[in-house]
């Protein structure tokens, strides 16, 4: 159980982030979720009582991230857990179709975003010699797949390197950093697919709760145990 523990979840208003936040609250943690939509945050925090609060954040904006974590420290206290689930993709995913500003947006949110959040929590975690960070990446952070597209794959490869390097830097400081690589999950990001998926396809893929359950099991492991990375995918999805 995570009673007495404090967690921050970015991308927490929907999808995997929301499922993780609910799992953490159910396990006894107090949670601050972040997202770009104030209305969505208000909607999803209604059920959480005093254990779940929301704050708008743009993870690509360093000042916004600083204000978000200031709120976390003020309302929660020390941050024991960070789950970074914020991410974005675009429908026109090929090199020819993608516009340069779309590349910039995807890289800013998916690659610079986790850097901005790590920069906020690592000093205090290292100072206490304790903390857990979960970075929600994608199987496209392990395999460059056309399905993800040029910008998304590049950003997730960057996230993979970021998490791996930081995990190695923090080993002696007692901070655990885990890269999580989900395959296809039924989340709102599917709405950015170039071709809409069918109901039959949705029925075959992961639910956000599947990923959240696995993440919770990693967080609950003894502090001496470190899972550097893990892939979770639907049984029907090939592992290339």
Protein backbone atom coordinates (compact mmCIF):
# COMPACT_ATOMS: atom_id res chain seq x y z
CA UNK A 1 0.00 0.00 0.00
CA UNK A 2 1.08 3.57 -0.75
CA UNK A 3 -0.56 5.28 2.22
CA UNK A 4 1.34 8.42 3.11
CA UNK A 5 3.04 8.63 -0.28
CA UNK A 6 2.70 11.58 -2.65
CA UNK A 7 2.63 11.27 -6.43
CA UNK A 8 2.58 13.58 -9.42
CA UNK A 9 1.10 12.37 -12.72
CA UNK A 10 1.45 14.42 -15.91
CA UNK A 11 -1.01 13.73 -18.72
CA UNK A 12 -3.33 12.72 -15.89
CA UNK A 13 -6.66 13.90 -17.26
CA UNK A 14 -7.13 10.97 -19.66
CA UNK A 15 -5.76 7.69 -20.93
CA UNK A 16 -2.89 5.95 -19.15
CA UNK A 17 -2.19 8.94 -16.92
CA UNK A 18 -5.72 9.00 -15.55
CA UNK A 19 -5.75 5.23 -15.04
CA UNK A 20 -2.46 5.46 -13.12
CA UNK A 21 -3.75 8.33 -10.98
CA UNK A 22 -6.86 6.31 -10.05
CA UNK A 23 -4.74 3.26 -9.20
CA UNK A 24 -2.44 5.33 -7.00
CA UNK A 25 -5.34 6.94 -5.13
CA UNK A 26 -7.00 3.54 -4.65
CA UNK A 27 -3.73 2.30 -3.16
CA UNK A 28 -3.61 5.11 -0.63
CA UNK A 29 -1.45 7.78 -2.30
CA UNK A 30 -2.22 11.48 -2.59
CA UNK A 31 -1.95 12.58 -6.20
CA UNK A 32 -1.60 15.78 -8.20
CA UNK A 33 -2.51 15.32 -11.85
CA UNK A 34 -1.49 17.72 -14.59
CA UNK A 35 -2.89 18.38 -18.03
CA UNK A 36 -3.50 21.22 -20.47
CA UNK A 37 -7.31 21.28 -20.15
CA UNK A 38 -8.66 22.84 -16.94
CA UNK A 39 -12.17 21.55 -17.66
CA UNK A 40 -10.99 17.96 -18.03
CA UNK A 41 -8.98 18.21 -14.82
CA UNK A 42 -12.00 19.54 -12.94
CA UNK A 43 -14.13 16.71 -14.31
CA UNK A 44 -11.81 13.86 -13.36
CA UNK A 45 -10.80 15.16 -9.93
CA UNK A 46 -14.39 15.25 -8.66
CA UNK A 47 -14.34 11.59 -7.64
CA UNK A 48 -10.96 11.70 -5.87
CA UNK A 49 -11.88 13.80 -2.85
CA UNK A 50 -8.92 15.27 -0.99
CA UNK A 51 -6.61 12.56 -2.37
CA UNK A 52 -6.71 13.84 -5.96
CA UNK A 53 -6.10 17.41 -7.09
CA UNK A 54 -5.53 18.91 -10.51
CA UNK A 55 -3.39 21.67 -11.95
CA UNK A 56 -2.98 22.80 -15.55
CA UNK A 57 0.50 22.35 -16.98
CA UNK A 58 2.20 22.56 -20.35
CA UNK A 59 5.15 20.19 -19.98
CA UNK A 60 6.93 21.88 -22.90
CA UNK A 61 6.90 25.21 -21.03
CA UNK A 62 9.58 25.32 -18.32
CA UNK A 63 7.85 28.06 -16.33
CA UNK A 64 4.55 26.19 -16.41
CA UNK A 65 6.30 23.04 -15.19
CA UNK A 66 8.01 24.97 -12.36
CA UNK A 67 4.65 26.37 -11.21
CA UNK A 68 3.08 22.92 -11.41
CA UNK A 69 5.69 21.35 -9.16
CA UNK A 70 5.53 24.31 -6.80
CA UNK A 71 1.83 23.50 -6.38
CA UNK A 72 2.74 19.85 -5.76
CA UNK A 73 5.17 20.75 -2.97
CA UNK A 74 2.74 23.22 -1.43
CA UNK A 75 -0.31 20.94 -1.42
CA UNK A 76 1.28 17.49 -1.11
CA UNK A 77 4.68 18.00 0.49
CA UNK A 78 7.60 15.93 -0.71
CA UNK A 79 7.16 14.18 -4.06
CA UNK A 80 7.77 10.45 -3.74
CA UNK A 81 6.58 9.35 -7.18
CA UNK A 82 6.54 10.94 -10.64
CA UNK A 83 4.63 9.28 -13.46
CA UNK A 84 5.17 11.17 -16.70
CA UNK A 85 2.39 10.23 -19.13
CA UNK A 86 2.00 13.44 -21.13
CA UNK A 87 2.42 12.89 -24.85
CA UNK A 88 1.13 13.86 -28.27
CA UNK A 89 1.12 12.68 -31.87
CA UNK A 90 -0.05 14.07 -35.22
CA UNK A 91 -2.13 12.50 -38.01
CA UNK A 92 0.20 13.40 -40.91
CA UNK A 93 3.16 11.32 -39.80
CA UNK A 94 5.44 10.88 -42.83
CA UNK A 95 8.45 13.08 -43.55
CA UNK A 96 6.74 14.42 -46.67
CA UNK A 97 3.42 15.22 -45.00
CA UNK A 98 4.64 16.59 -41.68
CA UNK A 99 5.15 20.34 -41.28
CA UNK A 100 8.28 21.60 -39.47
CA UNK A 101 6.24 23.21 -36.71
CA UNK A 102 4.59 19.85 -36.03
CA UNK A 103 8.01 18.26 -35.56
CA UNK A 104 8.84 21.04 -33.09
CA UNK A 105 5.60 20.50 -31.14
CA UNK A 106 5.98 16.71 -30.86
CA UNK A 107 9.62 16.95 -29.80
CA UNK A 108 8.87 19.72 -27.30
CA UNK A 109 6.13 17.75 -25.55
CA UNK A 110 7.43 14.18 -25.86
CA UNK A 111 11.18 14.74 -25.42
CA UNK A 112 11.72 18.09 -23.69
CA UNK A 113 8.61 17.60 -21.53
CA UNK A 114 10.01 14.68 -19.51
CA UNK A 115 13.35 16.47 -19.20
CA UNK A 116 11.58 19.49 -17.69
CA UNK A 117 9.76 17.29 -15.16
CA UNK A 118 12.84 15.26 -14.22
CA UNK A 119 14.75 18.49 -13.66
CA UNK A 120 12.16 19.49 -11.05
CA UNK A 121 11.99 16.27 -9.01
CA UNK A 122 15.45 14.73 -9.17
CA UNK A 123 17.29 17.09 -6.81
CA UNK A 124 14.92 16.47 -3.91
CA UNK A 125 14.68 12.72 -4.58
CA UNK A 126 18.46 12.42 -4.72
CA UNK A 127 18.75 14.49 -1.57
CA UNK A 128 16.48 12.04 0.28
CA UNK A 129 18.10 9.09 -1.49
CA UNK A 130 14.67 7.80 -2.42
CA UNK A 131 12.12 8.23 -5.20
CA UNK A 132 10.46 6.51 -8.13
CA UNK A 133 10.06 7.91 -11.64
CA UNK A 134 8.01 6.20 -14.34
CA UNK A 135 8.36 7.51 -17.90
CA UNK A 136 5.55 6.36 -20.19
CA UNK A 137 7.16 5.97 -23.60
CA UNK A 138 5.97 3.65 -26.39
CA UNK A 139 7.08 0.56 -28.28
CA UNK A 140 8.07 3.12 -30.92
CA UNK A 141 10.77 4.17 -28.48
CA UNK A 142 12.31 0.72 -29.07
CA UNK A 143 11.39 0.13 -32.70
CA UNK A 144 10.99 2.87 -35.32
CA UNK A 145 7.60 1.96 -36.74
CA UNK A 146 5.76 3.74 -39.56
CA UNK A 147 2.62 3.47 -37.43
CA UNK A 148 4.06 5.99 -34.96
CA UNK A 149 5.48 8.30 -37.58
CA UNK A 150 8.77 10.15 -37.94
CA UNK A 151 8.37 12.78 -35.21
CA UNK A 152 6.73 10.48 -32.65
CA UNK A 153 9.33 7.74 -33.05
CA UNK A 154 12.19 10.24 -32.84
CA UNK A 155 10.72 11.81 -29.71
CA UNK A 156 10.21 8.45 -28.04
CA UNK A 157 13.74 7.31 -28.88
CA UNK A 158 14.92 10.53 -27.23
CA UNK A 159 12.79 9.73 -24.20
CA UNK A 160 14.31 6.24 -24.05
CA UNK A 161 17.83 7.66 -23.98
CA UNK A 162 16.85 10.29 -21.42
CA UNK A 163 15.34 7.77 -19.03
CA UNK A 164 18.19 5.28 -19.42
CA UNK A 165 20.91 7.88 -18.85
CA UNK A 166 19.16 9.39 -15.85
CA UNK A 167 18.50 5.96 -14.34
CA UNK A 168 22.21 5.15 -14.55
CA UNK A 169 23.16 8.51 -13.05
CA UNK A 170 20.80 8.03 -10.11
CA UNK A 171 21.59 4.44 -9.13
CA UNK A 172 23.86 5.36 -6.24
CA UNK A 173 21.42 8.05 -5.11
CA UNK A 174 18.62 5.52 -4.58
CA UNK A 175 16.29 6.95 -7.24
CA UNK A 176 14.60 4.43 -9.53
CA UNK A 177 13.77 5.49 -13.10
CA UNK A 178 11.78 3.11 -15.30
CA UNK A 179 11.00 3.43 -19.01
CA UNK A 180 7.64 1.86 -19.86
CA UNK A 181 6.96 0.94 -23.49
CA UNK A 182 3.25 0.30 -24.12
CA UNK A 183 2.04 -1.13 -27.37
CA UNK A 184 -1.40 -0.20 -28.68
CA UNK A 185 -3.66 1.14 -25.92
CA UNK A 186 -7.25 2.36 -26.21
CA UNK A 187 -6.64 6.02 -25.30
CA UNK A 188 -7.60 9.39 -26.85
CA UNK A 189 -4.31 9.52 -28.79
CA UNK A 190 -5.88 6.98 -31.15
CA UNK A 191 -8.01 9.83 -32.47
CA UNK A 192 -4.82 11.16 -34.12
CA UNK A 193 -4.39 8.02 -36.25
CA UNK A 194 -4.24 8.75 -40.01
CA UNK A 195 -6.88 6.04 -40.49
CA UNK A 196 -9.57 5.54 -37.83
CA UNK A 197 -9.40 2.14 -36.17
CA UNK A 198 -12.38 -0.19 -36.06
CA UNK A 199 -14.35 -1.29 -33.01
CA UNK A 200 -12.96 -4.78 -33.51
CA UNK A 201 -9.41 -3.40 -33.39
CA UNK A 202 -10.13 -1.46 -30.21
CA UNK A 203 -11.46 -4.62 -28.58
CA UNK A 204 -8.13 -6.40 -29.16
CA UNK A 205 -5.77 -3.81 -27.70
CA UNK A 206 -4.78 -2.85 -24.18
CA UNK A 207 -6.91 -0.80 -21.80
CA UNK A 208 -5.28 2.02 -19.81
CA UNK A 209 -6.04 0.04 -16.65
CA UNK A 210 -3.81 -2.80 -17.89
CA UNK A 211 -0.83 -0.47 -18.05
CA UNK A 212 -1.73 1.21 -14.76
CA UNK A 213 -1.84 -2.13 -12.96
CA UNK A 214 1.65 -2.99 -14.16
CA UNK A 215 2.99 0.45 -13.21
CA UNK A 216 1.51 0.18 -9.73
CA UNK A 217 3.24 -3.17 -9.25
CA UNK A 218 6.59 -1.58 -10.16
CA UNK A 219 6.08 1.33 -7.77
CA UNK A 220 5.17 -1.01 -4.92
CA UNK A 221 8.37 -3.07 -5.25
CA UNK A 222 10.94 -2.70 -2.43
CA UNK A 223 13.29 0.25 -2.85
CA UNK A 224 16.18 -2.15 -3.51
CA UNK A 225 14.49 -3.37 -6.72
CA UNK A 226 14.92 -1.48 -10.00
CA UNK A 227 13.10 -2.27 -13.25
CA UNK A 228 15.02 -0.27 -15.89
CA UNK A 229 12.51 -0.85 -18.68
CA UNK A 230 9.51 -2.95 -19.54
CA UNK A 231 7.36 -3.61 -22.64
CA UNK A 232 3.63 -4.21 -22.31
CA UNK A 233 1.55 -4.93 -25.42
CA UNK A 234 -1.60 -6.69 -26.59
CA UNK A 235 -1.14 -10.42 -27.18
CA UNK A 236 -2.18 -9.85 -30.81
CA UNK A 237 0.46 -7.18 -31.50
CA UNK A 238 3.75 -8.44 -32.90
CA UNK A 239 7.00 -7.63 -31.12
CA UNK A 240 9.17 -6.70 -34.07
